[in-house]
Structure formats: C-alpha cells, structure tokens
C-alpha cells in the first residue's frame, strides 16, 4: 500500500511536513506518520515511492533505540496501529507510525555531507567553505569531500531550510 498522505479523521492534524504528518494522540503524545512522498530541495513531488515511509520509520526507530542509552528521546511506542483508538487506521499506520512524547522542537537539521553538491556547491564557489567550514580549494561540483562533514541548517516550517555554521547551531 502506498500512502501519499494519511487521513486520520478522528485525530487533530497538528502539522504536515514534506514527508510526515503529526497528529495529536492525547494531551501528552503525538502520532508521527511517515508518508511515501518524495521531496528534493524542499519541493514535494507528486509521485510516491511505495513503502518509503516504512523504511524511513525503520531507520529512525533504529537510531532512536540505538542511542537512547546516550541521550533520552521522545519515542513512546513503535506500533501505535495496535492501539484501540487507531485500529481502524491500521493499514495506513502499520510500520510507518510512532507515538512520541510532546516536547519542544529544536528547529535544526543535521546533514552529513560526503560530496560537494546543492547549496554546499553554491557556497563553496563563493568562499571555499560549506556552512562556514573551510574546504580545500580546487574541488569541482560533485567532488568527494576529503572527509564527511556535519553541515547544519535551520528546519523551516515553510520554504527553504537555511544553511548555518556549526557555531550558529550551538
């Protein structure tokens, strides 16, 4: 089943991003639903990749579970489709949804880059930097970087995310 957009009529839609929808499950908990939508360069395409949301959800759950001993996270339940309140949405939610504690969002996206492309290429051409990080001169578009680097950006509610330096992120 391909899910371009979830449709959970009994729940309040709190937010709809490029790939996920967030619903209020109860006063303390949100339901995150990962769709099969495709987005690139902050544009949502009209096509979908079947099961993309399921894979995205599995990757997120893996890292949330793998790192929870290092730092607490918001994950409450990896199988909310089995909750009585959500059973009628089982087909839309199975494998692509999680329940999370409500918390304050840190509007930062962490991007690890290994190649010189996109907005990184634009900045590099002007200043031999990516997110303010000096990069050796003489690289061409799509060159492999000497080593992967963390290039943070803002997480815009609408429009384009904006690259920021690691010190601005801190």
N, C-alpha and C. Protein backbone atom coordinates (compact mmCIF):
# COMPACT_ATOMS: atom_id res chain seq x y z
N UNK A 1 0.84 -1.19 0.00
CA UNK A 1 0.00 0.00 0.00
C UNK A 1 0.88 1.24 0.00
N UNK A 2 0.60 2.16 -0.89
CA UNK A 2 1.31 3.43 -0.94
C UNK A 2 0.49 4.48 -0.20
N UNK A 3 1.13 5.23 0.68
CA UNK A 3 0.45 6.28 1.43
C UNK A 3 1.08 7.62 1.06
N UNK A 4 0.40 8.35 0.18
CA UNK A 4 0.89 9.69 -0.19
C UNK A 4 0.60 10.67 0.94
N UNK A 5 -0.53 10.46 1.59
CA UNK A 5 -0.95 11.35 2.66
C UNK A 5 -1.87 10.56 3.59
N UNK A 6 -1.62 10.65 4.89
CA UNK A 6 -2.51 9.96 5.82
C UNK A 6 -3.81 10.74 5.95
N UNK A 7 -4.85 10.04 6.39
CA UNK A 7 -6.16 10.66 6.55
C UNK A 7 -6.80 10.07 7.81
N UNK A 8 -6.48 10.67 8.96
CA UNK A 8 -6.96 10.17 10.24
C UNK A 8 -8.00 11.15 10.77
N UNK A 9 -9.23 10.99 10.34
CA UNK A 9 -10.28 11.97 10.58
C UNK A 9 -10.60 12.21 12.05
N UNK A 10 -10.36 11.22 12.90
CA UNK A 10 -10.70 11.36 14.33
C UNK A 10 -9.63 12.11 15.13
N UNK A 11 -8.48 12.35 14.52
CA UNK A 11 -7.38 13.00 15.23
C UNK A 11 -7.12 14.40 14.68
N UNK A 12 -6.66 15.26 15.55
CA UNK A 12 -6.32 16.63 15.13
C UNK A 12 -4.96 16.63 14.45
N UNK A 13 -4.93 17.10 13.18
CA UNK A 13 -3.67 17.26 12.46
C UNK A 13 -2.97 18.50 13.01
N UNK A 14 -1.79 18.30 13.57
CA UNK A 14 -1.03 19.40 14.18
C UNK A 14 -0.10 20.04 13.16
N UNK A 15 0.51 19.19 12.32
CA UNK A 15 1.50 19.69 11.37
C UNK A 15 1.63 18.72 10.21
N UNK A 16 1.91 19.26 9.04
CA UNK A 16 2.17 18.43 7.87
C UNK A 16 3.47 18.94 7.25
N UNK A 17 4.47 18.06 7.24
CA UNK A 17 5.76 18.41 6.65
C UNK A 17 5.87 17.88 5.24
N UNK A 18 7.10 17.87 4.75
CA UNK A 18 7.34 17.39 3.39
C UNK A 18 7.10 15.89 3.28
N UNK A 19 7.34 15.17 4.38
CA UNK A 19 7.21 13.72 4.35
C UNK A 19 6.30 13.20 5.47
N UNK A 20 6.25 13.87 6.61
CA UNK A 20 5.49 13.36 7.76
C UNK A 20 4.30 14.23 8.10
N UNK A 21 3.29 13.57 8.68
CA UNK A 21 2.17 14.27 9.30
C UNK A 21 2.25 14.00 10.80
N UNK A 22 1.88 15.02 11.58
CA UNK A 22 1.87 14.89 13.03
C UNK A 22 0.45 15.14 13.52
N UNK A 23 -0.06 14.19 14.29
CA UNK A 23 -1.41 14.27 14.86
C UNK A 23 -1.31 14.30 16.38
N UNK A 24 -2.29 14.94 17.00
CA UNK A 24 -2.37 14.88 18.45
C UNK A 24 -3.06 13.57 18.83
N UNK A 25 -2.36 12.72 19.57
CA UNK A 25 -2.94 11.46 20.02
C UNK A 25 -3.67 11.65 21.34
N UNK A 26 -3.02 12.34 22.27
CA UNK A 26 -3.65 12.72 23.53
C UNK A 26 -2.91 13.95 24.06
N UNK A 27 -3.19 14.35 25.28
CA UNK A 27 -2.63 15.60 25.80
C UNK A 27 -1.11 15.56 25.97
N UNK A 28 -0.52 14.37 26.01
CA UNK A 28 0.92 14.25 26.21
C UNK A 28 1.67 13.67 25.02
N UNK A 29 0.93 13.22 24.01
CA UNK A 29 1.54 12.39 22.97
C UNK A 29 1.12 12.81 21.56
N UNK A 30 2.08 12.77 20.65
CA UNK A 30 1.82 12.96 19.22
C UNK A 30 1.96 11.63 18.50
N UNK A 31 1.27 11.52 17.38
CA UNK A 31 1.41 10.41 16.45
C UNK A 31 2.12 10.94 15.22
N UNK A 32 3.30 10.39 14.91
CA UNK A 32 4.03 10.74 13.70
C UNK A 32 3.71 9.69 12.64
N UNK A 33 3.40 10.13 11.43
CA UNK A 33 3.13 9.22 10.32
C UNK A 33 4.06 9.58 9.17
N UNK A 34 4.88 8.62 8.74
CA UNK A 34 5.82 8.84 7.63
C UNK A 34 5.15 8.38 6.34
N UNK A 35 4.96 9.32 5.41
CA UNK A 35 4.31 9.02 4.14
C UNK A 35 5.33 8.48 3.13
N UNK A 36 4.85 8.18 1.95
CA UNK A 36 5.71 7.72 0.86
C UNK A 36 6.04 8.85 -0.11
N UNK A 37 5.72 10.11 0.29
CA UNK A 37 6.02 11.26 -0.56
C UNK A 37 7.53 11.41 -0.75
N UNK A 38 7.89 11.99 -1.87
CA UNK A 38 9.28 12.28 -2.18
C UNK A 38 9.46 13.79 -2.14
N UNK A 39 10.54 14.24 -1.52
CA UNK A 39 10.86 15.66 -1.58
C UNK A 39 12.34 15.80 -1.90
N UNK A 40 12.65 16.81 -2.66
CA UNK A 40 14.04 17.12 -3.00
C UNK A 40 14.16 18.63 -3.09
N UNK A 41 15.19 19.15 -2.49
CA UNK A 41 15.43 20.60 -2.49
C UNK A 41 14.18 21.35 -2.05
N UNK A 42 13.54 20.83 -0.99
CA UNK A 42 12.38 21.46 -0.36
C UNK A 42 11.14 21.50 -1.25
N UNK A 43 11.07 20.64 -2.24
CA UNK A 43 9.90 20.54 -3.11
C UNK A 43 9.31 19.15 -2.96
N UNK A 44 8.01 19.07 -2.70
CA UNK A 44 7.33 17.78 -2.61
C UNK A 44 6.88 17.39 -4.02
N UNK A 45 7.33 16.23 -4.46
CA UNK A 45 6.96 15.72 -5.79
C UNK A 45 5.55 15.13 -5.73
N UNK A 46 4.94 14.96 -6.87
CA UNK A 46 3.59 14.40 -6.94
C UNK A 46 3.61 12.87 -7.01
N UNK A 47 4.79 12.29 -7.11
CA UNK A 47 4.92 10.84 -7.13
C UNK A 47 5.25 10.37 -5.72
N UNK A 48 5.09 9.07 -5.50
CA UNK A 48 5.44 8.47 -4.22
C UNK A 48 6.20 7.17 -4.48
N UNK A 49 7.00 6.78 -3.51
CA UNK A 49 7.71 5.51 -3.59
C UNK A 49 7.04 4.56 -2.60
N UNK A 50 6.43 3.48 -3.09
CA UNK A 50 5.75 2.56 -2.17
C UNK A 50 6.68 2.10 -1.05
N UNK A 51 6.18 2.17 0.18
CA UNK A 51 6.87 1.73 1.39
C UNK A 51 8.04 2.61 1.83
N UNK A 52 8.25 3.74 1.18
CA UNK A 52 9.32 4.64 1.58
C UNK A 52 9.15 5.07 3.03
N UNK A 53 7.93 5.39 3.43
CA UNK A 53 7.66 5.80 4.81
C UNK A 53 7.97 4.71 5.81
N UNK A 54 7.72 3.46 5.43
CA UNK A 54 8.03 2.33 6.32
C UNK A 54 9.54 2.24 6.52
N UNK A 55 10.29 2.37 5.45
CA UNK A 55 11.76 2.30 5.54
C UNK A 55 12.29 3.49 6.35
N UNK A 56 11.79 4.69 6.08
CA UNK A 56 12.21 5.88 6.82
C UNK A 56 11.93 5.69 8.31
N UNK A 57 10.78 5.15 8.63
CA UNK A 57 10.40 4.92 10.02
C UNK A 57 11.34 3.90 10.68
N UNK A 58 11.69 2.83 9.96
CA UNK A 58 12.59 1.81 10.49
C UNK A 58 13.97 2.40 10.78
N UNK A 59 14.45 3.23 9.89
CA UNK A 59 15.76 3.86 10.10
C UNK A 59 15.72 4.76 11.34
N UNK A 60 14.69 5.59 11.43
CA UNK A 60 14.55 6.48 12.59
C UNK A 60 14.46 5.68 13.89
N UNK A 61 13.63 4.63 13.90
CA UNK A 61 13.48 3.80 15.10
C UNK A 61 14.79 3.12 15.48
N UNK A 62 15.53 2.67 14.49
CA UNK A 62 16.82 2.04 14.77
C UNK A 62 17.72 3.01 15.54
N UNK A 63 17.84 4.24 15.03
CA UNK A 63 18.73 5.19 15.69
C UNK A 63 18.19 5.67 17.03
N UNK A 64 16.88 5.84 17.14
CA UNK A 64 16.31 6.22 18.43
C UNK A 64 16.57 5.13 19.48
N UNK A 65 16.42 3.88 19.10
CA UNK A 65 16.67 2.78 20.04
C UNK A 65 18.17 2.58 20.31
N UNK A 66 18.99 2.76 19.29
CA UNK A 66 20.43 2.54 19.44
C UNK A 66 21.08 3.60 20.32
N UNK A 67 20.55 4.81 20.32
CA UNK A 67 21.19 5.90 21.06
C UNK A 67 20.48 6.28 22.35
N UNK A 68 19.40 5.59 22.71
CA UNK A 68 18.64 6.00 23.89
C UNK A 68 19.42 5.87 25.19
N UNK A 69 20.45 5.04 25.21
CA UNK A 69 21.28 4.92 26.41
C UNK A 69 22.26 6.11 26.53
N UNK A 70 22.43 6.84 25.45
CA UNK A 70 23.32 8.00 25.44
C UNK A 70 22.55 9.26 25.82
N UNK A 71 21.36 9.40 25.20
CA UNK A 71 20.52 10.57 25.47
C UNK A 71 19.06 10.17 25.32
N UNK A 72 18.25 10.65 26.24
CA UNK A 72 16.82 10.33 26.18
C UNK A 72 16.21 10.90 24.90
N UNK A 73 15.19 10.23 24.38
CA UNK A 73 14.50 10.75 23.20
C UNK A 73 12.99 10.68 23.42
N UNK A 74 12.24 11.02 22.42
CA UNK A 74 10.80 11.17 22.54
C UNK A 74 9.98 9.93 22.19
N UNK A 75 10.62 8.84 21.78
CA UNK A 75 9.91 7.64 21.34
C UNK A 75 9.15 6.99 22.49
N UNK A 76 7.85 6.74 22.26
CA UNK A 76 6.98 6.09 23.25
C UNK A 76 6.57 4.69 22.78
N UNK A 77 6.16 4.57 21.50
CA UNK A 77 5.61 3.30 21.01
C UNK A 77 5.88 3.20 19.51
N UNK A 78 6.46 2.07 19.10
CA UNK A 78 6.79 1.83 17.68
C UNK A 78 5.66 1.18 16.89
N UNK A 79 4.59 0.76 17.57
CA UNK A 79 3.48 0.09 16.89
C UNK A 79 2.13 0.66 17.32
N UNK A 80 1.92 1.94 17.11
CA UNK A 80 0.65 2.53 17.58
C UNK A 80 -0.57 2.05 16.82
N UNK A 81 -0.39 1.42 15.67
CA UNK A 81 -1.54 0.95 14.89
C UNK A 81 -2.34 -0.09 15.66
N UNK A 82 -1.77 -0.64 16.73
CA UNK A 82 -2.46 -1.65 17.53
C UNK A 82 -3.27 -1.04 18.68
N UNK A 83 -3.16 0.25 18.89
CA UNK A 83 -3.94 0.91 19.95
C UNK A 83 -5.41 0.92 19.54
N UNK A 84 -6.33 0.68 20.48
CA UNK A 84 -7.76 0.66 20.14
C UNK A 84 -8.21 1.91 19.39
N UNK A 85 -7.72 3.06 19.78
CA UNK A 85 -8.11 4.32 19.16
C UNK A 85 -7.68 4.40 17.68
N UNK A 86 -6.67 3.61 17.28
CA UNK A 86 -6.10 3.70 15.93
C UNK A 86 -6.35 2.46 15.08
N UNK A 87 -7.01 1.45 15.62
CA UNK A 87 -7.18 0.18 14.88
C UNK A 87 -7.80 0.36 13.50
N UNK A 88 -8.76 1.29 13.38
CA UNK A 88 -9.41 1.45 12.07
C UNK A 88 -8.48 2.06 11.02
N UNK A 89 -7.35 2.62 11.48
CA UNK A 89 -6.36 3.19 10.56
C UNK A 89 -5.16 2.26 10.38
N UNK A 90 -5.30 1.03 10.83
CA UNK A 90 -4.19 0.07 10.84
C UNK A 90 -3.44 0.04 9.51
N UNK A 91 -4.15 -0.05 8.39
CA UNK A 91 -3.49 -0.17 7.08
C UNK A 91 -2.67 1.07 6.73
N UNK A 92 -3.12 2.26 7.14
CA UNK A 92 -2.37 3.48 6.87
C UNK A 92 -1.14 3.61 7.78
N UNK A 93 -1.22 3.05 8.99
CA UNK A 93 -0.21 3.29 10.01
C UNK A 93 0.84 2.19 10.17
N UNK A 94 0.51 0.97 9.81
CA UNK A 94 1.40 -0.17 10.09
C UNK A 94 2.81 0.06 9.53
N UNK A 95 3.77 0.06 10.44
CA UNK A 95 5.17 0.17 10.06
C UNK A 95 5.65 1.58 9.75
N UNK A 96 4.75 2.55 9.67
CA UNK A 96 5.13 3.90 9.26
C UNK A 96 4.78 4.95 10.31
N UNK A 97 4.42 4.52 11.51
CA UNK A 97 4.00 5.49 12.52
C UNK A 97 4.62 5.18 13.87
N UNK A 98 4.76 6.22 14.69
CA UNK A 98 5.24 6.07 16.06
C UNK A 98 4.48 7.06 16.94
N UNK A 99 4.39 6.71 18.21
CA UNK A 99 3.89 7.65 19.21
C UNK A 99 5.10 8.25 19.91
N UNK A 100 5.06 9.56 20.12
CA UNK A 100 6.17 10.26 20.76
C UNK A 100 5.65 11.20 21.83
N UNK A 101 6.47 11.44 22.83
CA UNK A 101 6.14 12.45 23.83
C UNK A 101 6.14 13.82 23.17
N UNK A 102 5.21 14.66 23.59
CA UNK A 102 5.24 16.06 23.14
C UNK A 102 6.45 16.72 23.78
N UNK A 103 7.17 17.47 23.00
CA UNK A 103 8.32 18.20 23.53
C UNK A 103 8.57 19.41 22.62
N UNK A 104 9.46 20.26 23.05
CA UNK A 104 9.79 21.44 22.26
C UNK A 104 10.75 21.04 21.14
N UNK A 105 10.44 21.48 19.94
CA UNK A 105 11.26 21.15 18.78
C UNK A 105 12.50 22.04 18.73
N UNK A 106 13.62 21.44 18.40
CA UNK A 106 14.84 22.17 18.11
C UNK A 106 14.88 22.28 16.59
N UNK A 107 14.65 23.46 16.03
CA UNK A 107 14.48 23.58 14.57
C UNK A 107 15.81 23.56 13.79
N UNK A 108 16.56 22.48 13.97
CA UNK A 108 17.84 22.31 13.30
C UNK A 108 17.82 20.97 12.59
N UNK A 109 18.36 20.96 11.37
CA UNK A 109 18.52 19.71 10.64
C UNK A 109 20.00 19.41 10.56
N UNK A 110 20.36 18.16 10.83
CA UNK A 110 21.75 17.74 10.79
C UNK A 110 22.00 16.97 9.51
N UNK A 111 22.84 17.50 8.64
CA UNK A 111 23.11 16.90 7.35
C UNK A 111 24.59 16.54 7.32
N UNK A 112 24.89 15.28 7.07
CA UNK A 112 26.28 14.86 6.92
C UNK A 112 26.54 14.77 5.42
N UNK A 113 27.49 15.55 4.97
CA UNK A 113 27.80 15.60 3.52
C UNK A 113 29.12 14.88 3.23
N UNK A 114 29.10 14.14 2.16
CA UNK A 114 30.31 13.49 1.69
C UNK A 114 30.72 13.99 0.32
N UNK A 115 29.81 14.76 -0.32
CA UNK A 115 30.07 15.23 -1.68
C UNK A 115 29.67 16.70 -1.79
N UNK A 116 30.25 17.36 -2.74
CA UNK A 116 30.04 18.78 -2.96
C UNK A 116 28.92 18.98 -3.98
N UNK A 117 27.72 19.24 -3.46
CA UNK A 117 26.55 19.39 -4.34
C UNK A 117 25.56 20.34 -3.69
N UNK A 118 24.56 20.74 -4.46
CA UNK A 118 23.46 21.56 -3.96
C UNK A 118 23.92 22.88 -3.37
N UNK A 119 23.33 23.24 -2.24
CA UNK A 119 23.66 24.53 -1.61
C UNK A 119 25.11 24.58 -1.15
N UNK A 120 25.69 23.42 -0.86
CA UNK A 120 27.11 23.38 -0.47
C UNK A 120 27.98 23.84 -1.64
N UNK A 121 27.64 23.42 -2.85
CA UNK A 121 28.39 23.81 -4.04
C UNK A 121 28.30 25.33 -4.26
N UNK A 122 27.11 25.87 -4.08
CA UNK A 122 26.90 27.31 -4.27
C UNK A 122 27.79 28.10 -3.31
N UNK A 123 27.79 27.72 -2.04
CA UNK A 123 28.63 28.43 -1.06
C UNK A 123 30.11 28.22 -1.34
N UNK A 124 30.49 27.01 -1.67
CA UNK A 124 31.90 26.69 -1.93
C UNK A 124 32.47 27.54 -3.07
N UNK A 125 31.68 27.76 -4.12
CA UNK A 125 32.15 28.56 -5.25
C UNK A 125 32.48 29.99 -4.82
N UNK A 126 31.73 30.50 -3.84
CA UNK A 126 31.93 31.88 -3.39
C UNK A 126 33.09 32.02 -2.41
N UNK A 127 33.26 31.00 -1.52
CA UNK A 127 34.16 31.23 -0.39
C UNK A 127 35.04 30.04 0.02
N UNK A 128 35.01 28.95 -0.75
CA UNK A 128 35.72 27.73 -0.36
C UNK A 128 35.33 27.27 1.05
N UNK A 129 34.06 27.46 1.39
CA UNK A 129 33.53 26.98 2.66
C UNK A 129 32.20 26.28 2.40
N UNK A 130 31.80 25.45 3.36
CA UNK A 130 30.46 24.86 3.39
C UNK A 130 29.96 25.07 4.82
N UNK A 131 28.87 25.80 4.96
CA UNK A 131 28.34 26.15 6.29
C UNK A 131 29.43 26.81 7.14
N UNK A 132 30.26 27.62 6.47
CA UNK A 132 31.33 28.33 7.16
C UNK A 132 32.56 27.48 7.45
N UNK A 133 32.54 26.20 7.09
CA UNK A 133 33.67 25.30 7.33
C UNK A 133 34.62 25.39 6.15
N UNK A 134 35.90 25.75 6.37
CA UNK A 134 36.85 25.84 5.26
C UNK A 134 37.05 24.48 4.58
N UNK A 135 37.02 24.50 3.25
CA UNK A 135 37.23 23.30 2.43
C UNK A 135 38.34 23.62 1.45
N UNK A 136 39.23 22.65 1.20
CA UNK A 136 40.36 22.92 0.31
C UNK A 136 39.88 23.43 -1.05
N UNK A 137 40.65 24.29 -1.64
CA UNK A 137 40.33 24.88 -2.94
C UNK A 137 40.54 23.85 -4.05
N UNK A 138 39.91 24.12 -5.20
CA UNK A 138 40.15 23.34 -6.39
C UNK A 138 39.23 22.16 -6.62
N UNK A 139 38.22 21.99 -5.78
CA UNK A 139 37.28 20.90 -5.99
C UNK A 139 36.26 21.29 -7.05
N UNK A 140 35.70 20.32 -7.73
CA UNK A 140 34.66 20.59 -8.72
C UNK A 140 33.32 20.09 -8.19
N UNK A 141 32.27 20.51 -8.87
CA UNK A 141 30.92 20.11 -8.48
C UNK A 141 30.85 18.58 -8.41
N UNK A 142 30.24 18.07 -7.37
CA UNK A 142 30.05 16.64 -7.10
C UNK A 142 31.34 15.93 -6.67
N UNK A 143 32.40 16.68 -6.38
CA UNK A 143 33.62 16.06 -5.86
C UNK A 143 33.34 15.42 -4.51
N UNK A 144 34.06 14.33 -4.23
CA UNK A 144 34.00 13.74 -2.90
C UNK A 144 34.80 14.64 -1.97
N UNK A 145 34.25 14.93 -0.81
CA UNK A 145 34.95 15.76 0.16
C UNK A 145 36.07 14.95 0.80
N UNK A 146 37.12 15.61 1.28
CA UNK A 146 38.22 14.88 1.90
C UNK A 146 37.75 13.96 3.04
N UNK A 147 36.72 14.41 3.78
CA UNK A 147 36.08 13.59 4.80
C UNK A 147 34.65 14.11 4.97
N UNK A 148 33.73 13.25 5.38
CA UNK A 148 32.35 13.72 5.61
C UNK A 148 32.34 14.83 6.66
N UNK A 149 31.45 15.81 6.48
CA UNK A 149 31.34 16.91 7.44
C UNK A 149 29.87 17.12 7.82
N UNK A 150 29.68 17.64 9.04
CA UNK A 150 28.35 17.99 9.52
C UNK A 150 28.04 19.40 9.03
N UNK A 151 26.94 19.53 8.27
CA UNK A 151 26.53 20.83 7.75
C UNK A 151 25.11 21.11 8.20
N UNK A 152 24.95 21.77 9.34
CA UNK A 152 23.61 22.01 9.87
C UNK A 152 22.84 23.05 9.06
N UNK A 153 21.52 22.98 9.20
CA UNK A 153 20.66 24.00 8.60
C UNK A 153 19.48 24.24 9.53
N UNK A 154 18.81 25.35 9.30
CA UNK A 154 17.55 25.58 10.00
C UNK A 154 16.54 24.58 9.48
N UNK A 155 15.52 24.32 10.22
CA UNK A 155 14.44 23.44 9.78
C UNK A 155 13.22 24.34 9.61
N UNK A 156 13.06 24.84 8.40
CA UNK A 156 11.99 25.80 8.12
C UNK A 156 10.63 25.12 8.12
N UNK A 157 9.63 25.79 8.72
CA UNK A 157 8.26 25.27 8.69
C UNK A 157 7.70 25.34 7.28
N UNK A 158 8.06 26.39 6.54
CA UNK A 158 7.68 26.53 5.14
C UNK A 158 8.88 27.06 4.39
N UNK A 159 8.91 26.84 3.10
CA UNK A 159 10.01 27.36 2.29
C UNK A 159 11.28 26.55 2.48
N UNK A 160 12.40 27.21 2.22
CA UNK A 160 13.68 26.52 2.21
C UNK A 160 14.38 26.58 3.56
N UNK A 161 15.05 25.47 3.91
CA UNK A 161 15.94 25.47 5.06
C UNK A 161 17.14 26.35 4.71
N UNK A 162 17.78 26.91 5.72
CA UNK A 162 18.92 27.81 5.50
C UNK A 162 20.14 27.20 6.18
N UNK A 163 21.23 27.05 5.41
CA UNK A 163 22.46 26.53 5.97
C UNK A 163 22.99 27.47 7.04
N UNK A 164 23.51 26.89 8.11
CA UNK A 164 24.12 27.67 9.18
C UNK A 164 25.45 27.00 9.55
N UNK A 165 26.30 27.73 10.23
CA UNK A 165 27.57 27.18 10.65
C UNK A 165 27.38 26.34 11.92
N UNK A 166 28.32 25.45 12.21
CA UNK A 166 28.23 24.71 13.47
C UNK A 166 28.16 25.64 14.70
N UNK A 167 28.86 26.76 14.68
CA UNK A 167 28.81 27.67 15.83
C UNK A 167 27.43 28.33 15.95
N UNK A 168 26.79 28.65 14.81
CA UNK A 168 25.42 29.18 14.85
C UNK A 168 24.45 28.13 15.39
N UNK A 169 24.68 26.89 15.04
CA UNK A 169 23.85 25.79 15.53
C UNK A 169 23.96 25.70 17.06
N UNK A 170 25.19 25.76 17.55
CA UNK A 170 25.41 25.69 19.01
C UNK A 170 24.72 26.82 19.72
